[in-house]
PDB file of N, CA and C in Angstrom:
ATOM      1  N   MET A   1      37.035 -87.237  62.449  1.00  0.00           N
ATOM      2  CA  MET A   1      36.436 -87.288  63.736  1.00  0.00           C
ATOM      3  C   MET A   1      35.423 -86.094  63.887  1.00  0.00           C
ATOM      4  N   GLN A   2      35.841 -84.926  63.666  1.00  0.00           N
ATOM      5  CA  GLN A   2      34.901 -83.776  63.863  1.00  0.00           C
ATOM      6  C   GLN A   2      33.621 -83.895  63.032  1.00  0.00           C
ATOM      7  N   ALA A   3      33.814 -84.360  61.755  1.00  0.00           N
ATOM      8  CA  ALA A   3      32.666 -84.448  60.837  1.00  0.00           C
ATOM      9  C   ALA A   3      31.679 -85.554  61.491  1.00  0.00           C
ATOM     10  N   ALA A   4      32.237 -86.594  61.869  1.00  0.00           N
ATOM     11  CA  ALA A   4      31.324 -87.677  62.469  1.00  0.00           C
ATOM     12  C   ALA A   4      30.747 -87.135  63.663  1.00  0.00           C
ATOM     13  N   TYR A   5      31.298 -86.381  64.520  1.00  0.00           N
ATOM     14  CA  TYR A   5      30.780 -85.800  65.621  1.00  0.00           C
ATOM     15  C   TYR A   5      29.572 -84.856  65.396  1.00  0.00           C
ATOM     16  N   GLU A   6      29.794 -84.020  64.335  1.00  0.00           N
ATOM     17  CA  GLU A   6      28.760 -83.089  63.933  1.00  0.00           C
ATOM     18  C   GLU A   6      27.472 -83.778  63.349  1.00  0.00           C
ATOM     19  N   LYS A   7      27.768 -84.798  62.529  1.00  0.00           N
ATOM     20  CA  LYS A   7      26.686 -85.601  61.986  1.00  0.00           C
ATOM     21  C   LYS A   7      25.863 -86.325  63.146  1.00  0.00           C
ATOM     22  N   ALA A   8      26.594 -86.943  63.938  1.00  0.00           N
ATOM     23  CA  ALA A   8      26.029 -87.647  65.134  1.00  0.00           C
ATOM     24  C   ALA A   8      25.097 -86.805  65.968  1.00  0.00           C
ATOM     25  N   ALA A   9      25.726 -85.512  66.284  1.00  0.00           N
ATOM     26  CA  ALA A   9      24.978 -84.550  67.181  1.00  0.00           C
ATOM     27  C   ALA A   9      23.733 -84.138  66.616  1.00  0.00           C
ATOM     28  N   GLU A  10      23.623 -84.080  65.250  1.00  0.00           N
ATOM     29  CA  GLU A  10      22.263 -83.664  64.716  1.00  0.00           C
ATOM     30  C   GLU A  10      21.171 -84.702  64.846  1.00  0.00           C
ATOM     31  N   THR A  11      21.554 -85.891  65.141  1.00  0.00           N
ATOM     32  CA  THR A  11      20.546 -87.011  65.134  1.00  0.00           C
ATOM     33  C   THR A  11      19.967 -87.251  66.575  1.00  0.00           C
ATOM     34  N   VAL A  12      20.405 -86.540  67.625  1.00  0.00           N
ATOM     35  CA  VAL A  12      19.933 -86.823  68.937  1.00  0.00           C
ATOM     36  C   VAL A  12      19.431 -85.557  69.658  1.00  0.00           C
ATOM     37  N   CYS A  13      18.547 -85.771  70.510  1.00  0.00           N
ATOM     38  CA  CYS A  13      18.116 -84.689  71.379  1.00  0.00           C
ATOM     39  C   CYS A  13      19.052 -84.499  72.505  1.00  0.00           C
ATOM     40  N   TRP A  14      19.805 -83.581  72.523  1.00  0.00           N
ATOM     41  CA  TRP A  14      20.893 -83.417  73.468  1.00  0.00           C
ATOM     42  C   TRP A  14      20.367 -82.927  74.881  1.00  0.00           C
ATOM     43  N   GLN A  15      20.822 -83.443  75.978  1.00  0.00           N
ATOM     44  CA  GLN A  15      20.526 -82.924  77.239  1.00  0.00           C
ATOM     45  C   GLN A  15      21.595 -81.912  77.632  1.00  0.00           C
ATOM     46  N   TRP A  16      22.450 -81.572  76.667  1.00  0.00           N
ATOM     47  CA  TRP A  16      23.497 -80.537  76.994  1.00  0.00           C
ATOM     48  C   TRP A  16      23.033 -79.302  76.279  1.00  0.00           C
ATOM     49  N   GLY A  17      23.417 -78.278  76.912  1.00  0.00           N
ATOM     50  CA  GLY A  17      23.254 -76.861  76.324  1.00  0.00           C
ATOM     51  C   GLY A  17      24.347 -76.629  75.355  1.00  0.00           C
ATOM     52  N   ARG A  18      25.521 -76.278  75.587  1.00  0.00           N
ATOM     53  CA  ARG A  18      26.711 -75.968  74.716  1.00  0.00           C
ATOM     54  C   ARG A  18      27.659 -77.099  74.918  1.00  0.00           C
ATOM     55  N   VAL A  19      28.178 -77.694  73.736  1.00  0.00           N
ATOM     56  CA  VAL A  19      29.248 -78.662  73.827  1.00  0.00           C
ATOM     57  C   VAL A  19      30.401 -78.402  72.965  1.00  0.00           C
ATOM     58  N   ASP A  20      31.555 -78.511  73.581  1.00  0.00           N
ATOM     59  CA  ASP A  20      32.824 -78.280  72.765  1.00  0.00           C
ATOM     60  C   ASP A  20      33.628 -79.613  72.832  1.00  0.00           C
ATOM     61  N   THR A  21      34.104 -80.041  71.585  1.00  0.00           N
ATOM     62  CA  THR A  21      34.908 -81.123  71.620  1.00  0.00           C
ATOM     63  C   THR A  21      36.327 -80.707  71.924  1.00  0.00           C
ATOM     64  N   LEU A  22      36.942 -81.480  72.903  1.00  0.00           N
ATOM     65  CA  LEU A  22      38.340 -81.346  73.377  1.00  0.00           C
ATOM     66  C   LEU A  22      39.381 -82.103  72.775  1.00  0.00           C
ATOM     67  N   ALA A  23      39.121 -83.342  72.650  1.00  0.00           N
ATOM     68  CA  ALA A  23      40.179 -84.295  72.077  1.00  0.00           C
ATOM     69  C   ALA A  23      39.453 -85.650  71.560  1.00  0.00           C
ATOM     70  N   CYS A  24      40.102 -86.276  70.582  1.00  0.00           N
ATOM     71  CA  CYS A  24      39.710 -87.594  70.215  1.00  0.00           C
ATOM     72  C   CYS A  24      40.564 -88.548  71.120  1.00  0.00           C
ATOM     73  N   LEU A  25      39.917 -89.357  71.913  1.00  0.00           N
ATOM     74  CA  LEU A  25      40.619 -90.175  72.869  1.00  0.00           C
ATOM     75  C   LEU A  25      41.078 -91.537  72.106  1.00  0.00           C
ATOM     76  N   GLY A  26      40.356 -91.829  71.096  1.00  0.00           N
ATOM     77  CA  GLY A  26      40.804 -93.088  70.394  1.00  0.00           C
ATOM     78  C   GLY A  26      39.784 -93.371  69.276  1.00  0.00           C
ATOM     79  N   SER A  27      40.195 -94.273  68.347  1.00  0.00           N
ATOM     80  CA  SER A  27      39.298 -94.832  67.373  1.00  0.00           C
ATOM     81  C   SER A  27      39.405 -96.310  67.214  1.00  0.00           C
ATOM     82  N   GLN A  28      38.389 -96.847  66.668  1.00  0.00           N
ATOM     83  CA  GLN A  28      38.552 -98.380  66.350  1.00  0.00           C
ATOM     84  C   GLN A  28      37.955 -98.639  65.061  1.00  0.00           C
ATOM     85  N   VAL A  29      38.533 -99.314  64.102  1.00  0.00           N
ATOM     86  CA  VAL A  29      38.058 -99.471  62.794  1.00  0.00           C
ATOM     87  C   VAL A  29      37.359-100.977  62.900  1.00  0.00           C
ATOM     88  N   VAL A  30      36.084-101.033  62.659  1.00  0.00           N
ATOM     89  CA  VAL A  30      35.336-102.249  62.553  1.00  0.00           C
ATOM     90  C   VAL A  30      34.609-102.231  61.208  1.00  0.00           C
ATOM     91  N   ALA A  31      33.368-102.452  61.098  1.00  0.00           N
ATOM     92  CA  ALA A  31      32.519-102.266  59.864  1.00  0.00           C
ATOM     93  C   ALA A  31      32.112-100.744  59.916  1.00  0.00           C
ATOM     94  N   GLY A  32      33.137 -99.908  59.867  1.00  0.00           N
ATOM     95  CA  GLY A  32      32.945 -98.458  60.111  1.00  0.00           C
ATOM     96  C   GLY A  32      34.032 -98.062  61.041  1.00  0.00           C
ATOM     97  N   THR A  33      33.702 -96.994  61.811  1.00  0.00           N
ATOM     98  CA  THR A  33      34.641 -96.649  62.783  1.00  0.00           C
ATOM     99  C   THR A  33      34.021 -96.113  64.026  1.00  0.00           C
ATOM    100  N   ASN A  34      34.434 -96.636  65.187  1.00  0.00           N
ATOM    101  CA  ASN A  34      34.072 -96.013  66.578  1.00  0.00           C
ATOM    102  C   ASN A  34      34.987 -95.002  67.018  1.00  0.00           C
ATOM    103  N   TYR A  35      34.517 -93.907  67.585  1.00  0.00           N
ATOM    104  CA  TYR A  35      35.387 -92.791  68.035  1.00  0.00           C
ATOM    105  C   TYR A  35      34.944 -92.575  69.535  1.00  0.00           C
ATOM    106  N   ALA A  36      35.932 -92.353  70.450  1.00  0.00           N
ATOM    107  CA  ALA A  36      35.704 -91.824  71.877  1.00  0.00           C
ATOM    108  C   ALA A  36      36.234 -90.401  71.793  1.00  0.00           C
ATOM    109  N   ILE A  37      35.397 -89.470  72.185  1.00  0.00           N
ATOM    110  CA  ILE A  37      35.614 -88.079  72.124  1.00  0.00           C
ATOM    111  C   ILE A  37      35.480 -87.475  73.472  1.00  0.00           C
ATOM    112  N   LEU A  38      36.503 -86.763  73.986  1.00  0.00           N
ATOM    113  CA  LEU A  38      36.401 -85.941  75.239  1.00  0.00           C
ATOM    114  C   LEU A  38      35.767 -84.663  74.880  1.00  0.00           C
ATOM    115  N   CYS A  39      34.719 -84.304  75.721  1.00  0.00           N
ATOM    116  CA  CYS A  39      33.944 -83.116  75.374  1.00  0.00           C
ATOM    117  C   CYS A  39      33.767 -82.389  76.713  1.00  0.00           C
ATOM    118  N   LYS A  40      33.478 -81.028  76.593  1.00  0.00           N
ATOM    119  CA  LYS A  40      33.076 -80.183  77.737  1.00  0.00           C
ATOM    120  C   LYS A  40      31.824 -79.538  77.361  1.00  0.00           C
ATOM    121  N   GLY A  41      30.962 -79.512  78.335  1.00  0.00           N
ATOM    122  CA  GLY A  41      29.587 -78.796  78.028  1.00  0.00           C
ATOM    123  C   GLY A  41      28.694 -78.537  79.268  1.00  0.00           C
ATOM    124  N   GLU A  42      27.623 -77.958  78.944  1.00  0.00           N
ATOM    125  CA  GLU A  42      26.770 -77.506  80.056  1.00  0.00           C
ATOM    126  C   GLU A  42      25.402 -78.433  80.032  1.00  0.00           C
ATOM    127  N   LEU A  43      25.011 -78.857  81.064  1.00  0.00           N
ATOM    128  CA  LEU A  43      23.677 -79.406  81.105  1.00  0.00           C
ATOM    129  C   LEU A  43      22.574 -78.355  80.969  1.00  0.00           C
ATOM    130  N   THR A  44      21.604 -78.671  80.267  1.00  0.00           N
ATOM    131  CA  THR A  44      20.552 -77.680  79.968  1.00  0.00           C
ATOM    132  C   THR A  44      19.770 -77.379  81.355  1.00  0.00           C
ATOM    133  N   GLU A  45      19.862 -78.336  82.320  1.00  0.00           N
ATOM    134  CA  GLU A  45      19.086 -78.180  83.618  1.00  0.00           C
ATOM    135  C   GLU A  45      20.004 -77.408  84.491  1.00  0.00           C
ATOM    136  N   ASP A  46      21.270 -77.274  84.354  1.00  0.00           N
ATOM    137  CA  ASP A  46      22.182 -76.448  85.069  1.00  0.00           C
ATOM    138  C   ASP A  46      23.292 -75.703  84.218  1.00  0.00           C
ATOM    139  N   PRO A  47      22.966 -74.785  83.561  1.00  0.00           N
ATOM    140  CA  PRO A  47      23.794 -74.228  82.588  1.00  0.00           C
ATOM    141  C   PRO A  47      25.112 -73.495  83.296  1.00  0.00           C
ATOM    142  N   SER A  48      25.032 -73.330  84.537  1.00  0.00           N
ATOM    143  CA  SER A  48      26.153 -72.753  85.225  1.00  0.00           C
ATOM    144  C   SER A  48      27.291 -73.665  85.516  1.00  0.00           C
ATOM    145  N   ALA A  49      26.960 -74.930  85.410  1.00  0.00           N
ATOM    146  CA  ALA A  49      27.993 -75.888  85.734  1.00  0.00           C
ATOM    147  C   ALA A  49      28.472 -76.688  84.434  1.00  0.00           C
ATOM    148  N   GLU A  50      29.729 -76.554  84.193  1.00  0.00           N
ATOM    149  CA  GLU A  50      30.286 -77.310  83.060  1.00  0.00           C
ATOM    150  C   GLU A  50      30.802 -78.690  83.478  1.00  0.00           C
ATOM    151  N   ARG A  51      30.559 -79.683  82.585  1.00  0.00           N
ATOM    152  CA  ARG A  51      30.994 -80.988  82.809  1.00  0.00           C
ATOM    153  C   ARG A  51      31.916 -81.460  81.702  1.00  0.00           C
ATOM    154  N   ILE A  52      32.750 -82.260  82.225  1.00  0.00           N
ATOM    155  CA  ILE A  52      33.628 -83.087  81.276  1.00  0.00           C
ATOM    156  C   ILE A  52      32.930 -84.367  80.931  1.00  0.00           C
ATOM    157  N   PHE A  53      32.804 -84.865  79.747  1.00  0.00           N
ATOM    158  CA  PHE A  53      32.221 -86.165  79.500  1.00  0.00           C
ATOM    159  C   PHE A  53      32.816 -86.696  78.192  1.00  0.00           C
ATOM    160  N   VAL A  54      32.582 -88.021  78.055  1.00  0.00           N
ATOM    161  CA  VAL A  54      33.052 -88.776  76.977  1.00  0.00           C
ATOM    162  C   VAL A  54      31.840 -89.229  76.110  1.00  0.00           C
ATOM    163  N   VAL A  55      31.935 -88.927  74.787  1.00  0.00           N
ATOM    164  CA  VAL A  55      30.949 -89.434  73.828  1.00  0.00           C
ATOM    165  C   VAL A  55      31.479 -90.354  72.948  1.00  0.00           C
ATOM    166  N   THR A  56      30.803 -91.556  72.836  1.00  0.00           N
ATOM    167  CA  THR A  56      31.177 -92.600  71.866  1.00  0.00           C
ATOM    168  C   THR A  56      30.306 -92.523  70.662  1.00  0.00           C
ATOM    169  N   ILE A  57      30.875 -92.440  69.386  1.00  0.00           N
ATOM    170  CA  ILE A  57      30.234 -92.320  68.091  1.00  0.00           C
ATOM    171  C   ILE A  57      30.606 -93.436  67.129  1.00  0.00           C
ATOM    172  N   TYR A  58      29.591 -93.932  66.504  1.00  0.00           N
ATOM    173  CA  TYR A  58      29.798 -94.933  65.436  1.00  0.00           C
ATOM    174  C   TYR A  58      29.524 -94.332  64.122  1.00  0.00           C
ATOM    175  N   GLU A  59      30.515 -94.386  63.143  1.00  0.00           N
ATOM    176  CA  GLU A  59      30.442 -93.763  61.812  1.00  0.00           C
ATOM    177  C   GLU A  59      30.460 -95.151  60.832  1.00  0.00           C
ATOM    178  N   ASP A  60      29.225 -95.289  60.159  1.00  0.00           N
ATOM    179  CA  ASP A  60      29.294 -96.561  59.238  1.00  0.00           C
ATOM    180  C   ASP A  60      30.170 -96.255  57.923  1.00  0.00           C
ATOM    181  N   LEU A  61      30.138 -97.152  57.075  1.00  0.00           N
ATOM    182  CA  LEU A  61      30.932 -97.087  55.811  1.00  0.00           C
ATOM    183  C   LEU A  61      30.323 -96.116  54.875  1.00  0.00           C
ATOM    184  N   GLU A  62      29.173 -95.792  55.036  1.00  0.00           N
ATOM    185  CA  GLU A  62      28.504 -94.813  54.105  1.00  0.00           C
ATOM    186  C   GLU A  62      28.555 -93.359  54.696  1.00  0.00           C
ATOM    187  N   GLY A  63      29.133 -93.165  55.758  1.00  0.00           N
ATOM    188  CA  GLY A  63      29.287 -91.942  56.366  1.00  0.00           C
ATOM    189  C   GLY A  63      28.310 -91.475  57.335  1.00  0.00           C
ATOM    190  N   ASN A  64      27.227 -92.227  57.678  1.00  0.00           N
ATOM    191  CA  ASN A  64      26.272 -91.962  58.638  1.00  0.00           C
ATOM    192  C   ASN A  64      26.822 -92.142  60.021  1.00  0.00           C
ATOM    193  N   ALA A  65      26.515 -91.225  60.944  1.00  0.00           N
ATOM    194  CA  ALA A  65      27.056 -91.316  62.224  1.00  0.00           C
ATOM    195  C   ALA A  65      26.019 -91.191  63.231  1.00  0.00           C
ATOM    196  N   SER A  66      26.228 -91.922  64.509  1.00  0.00           N
ATOM    197  CA  SER A  66      25.337 -91.822  65.581  1.00  0.00           C
ATOM    198  C   SER A  66      26.057 -91.952  66.854  1.00  0.00           C
ATOM    199  N   ILE A  67      25.454 -91.266  67.898  1.00  0.00           N
ATOM    200  CA  ILE A  67      26.054 -91.343  69.221  1.00  0.00           C
ATOM    201  C   ILE A  67      25.589 -92.719  69.877  1.00  0.00           C
ATOM    202  N   THR A  68      26.568 -93.524  70.331  1.00  0.00           N
ATOM    203  CA  THR A  68      26.074 -94.708  70.870  1.00  0.00           C
ATOM    204  C   THR A  68      26.183 -94.731  72.436  1.00  0.00           C
ATOM    205  N   ASN A  69      26.982 -93.801  72.995  1.00  0.00           N
ATOM    206  CA  ASN A  69      27.050 -93.676  74.441  1.00  0.00           C
ATOM    207  C   ASN A  69      27.466 -92.321  74.815  1.00  0.00           C
ATOM    208  N   SER A  70      27.182 -91.855  75.993  1.00  0.00           N
ATOM    209  CA  SER A  70      27.852 -90.612  76.464  1.00  0.00           C
ATOM    210  C   SER A  70      27.702 -90.784  78.105  1.00  0.00           C
ATOM    211  N   CYS A  71      28.875 -90.366  78.570  1.00  0.00           N
ATOM    212  CA  CYS A  71      28.820 -90.435  80.191  1.00  0.00           C
ATOM    213  C   CYS A  71      29.696 -89.233  80.727  1.00  0.00           C
ATOM    214  N   ILE A  72      29.241 -88.742  81.868  1.00  0.00           N
ATOM    215  CA  ILE A  72      29.980 -87.708  82.572  1.00  0.00           C
ATOM    216  C   ILE A  72      31.256 -88.296  83.129  1.00  0.00           C
ATOM    217  N   LEU A  73      32.372 -87.613  82.960  1.00  0.00           N
ATOM    218  CA  LEU A  73      33.641 -87.891  83.597  1.00  0.00           C
ATOM    219  C   LEU A  73      33.802 -87.265  85.028  1.00  0.00           C
ATOM    220  N   ASP A  74      33.487 -87.989  85.995  1.00  0.00           N
ATOM    221  CA  ASP A  74      33.554 -87.319  87.333  1.00  0.00           C
ATOM    222  C   ASP A  74      34.793 -87.980  87.998  1.00  0.00           C
ATOM    223  N   LEU A  75      35.819 -87.192  88.109  1.00  0.00           N
ATOM    224  CA  LEU A  75      37.084 -87.727  88.745  1.00  0.00           C
ATOM    225  C   LEU A  75      36.975 -87.936  90.259  1.00  0.00           C
ATOM    226  N   ALA A  76      35.878 -87.336  90.850  1.00  0.00           N
ATOM    227  CA  ALA A  76      35.714 -87.633  92.307  1.00  0.00           C
ATOM    228  C   ALA A  76      35.163 -88.987  92.539  1.00  0.00           C
ATOM    229  N   GLU A  77      34.538 -89.718  91.472  1.00  0.00           N
ATOM    230  CA  GLU A  77      34.246 -91.150  91.617  1.00  0.00           C
ATOM    231  C   GLU A  77      35.285 -92.124  91.544  1.00  0.00           C
ATOM    232  N   PHE A  78      36.609 -91.616  91.044  1.00  0.00           N
ATOM    233  CA  PHE A  78      37.666 -92.622  90.913  1.00  0.00           C
ATOM    234  C   PHE A  78      38.439 -92.618  92.215  1.00  0.00           C
ATOM    235  N   THR A  79      38.552 -93.728  92.753  1.00  0.00           N
ATOM    236  CA  THR A  79      39.238 -93.998  94.197  1.00  0.00           C
ATOM    237  C   THR A  79      39.982 -95.195  93.883  1.00  0.00           C
ATOM    238  N   GLU A  80      41.129 -95.384  94.796  1.00  0.00           N
ATOM    239  CA  GLU A  80      41.996 -96.493  94.810  1.00  0.00           C
ATOM    240  C   GLU A  80      41.447 -97.647  95.647  1.00  0.00           C
TER     241      GLU A  80
END
């Protein structure tokens, strides 16, 4: 999971300053592997505020990896 994350992060222009992976939330084997990774990082536009977000990565059978989605996890948005 960490190797796939590092490969995928090299291929995109991040809107995040510093990013730390916290946990692998899950994986799914298809024609390759999808990973959901919980991360903590800073937005480059506001480096004083850390955010928790989920990054989805697809790693193909040849070991190439790309970020397919990322979203900020804002617990204040979750209501019953």
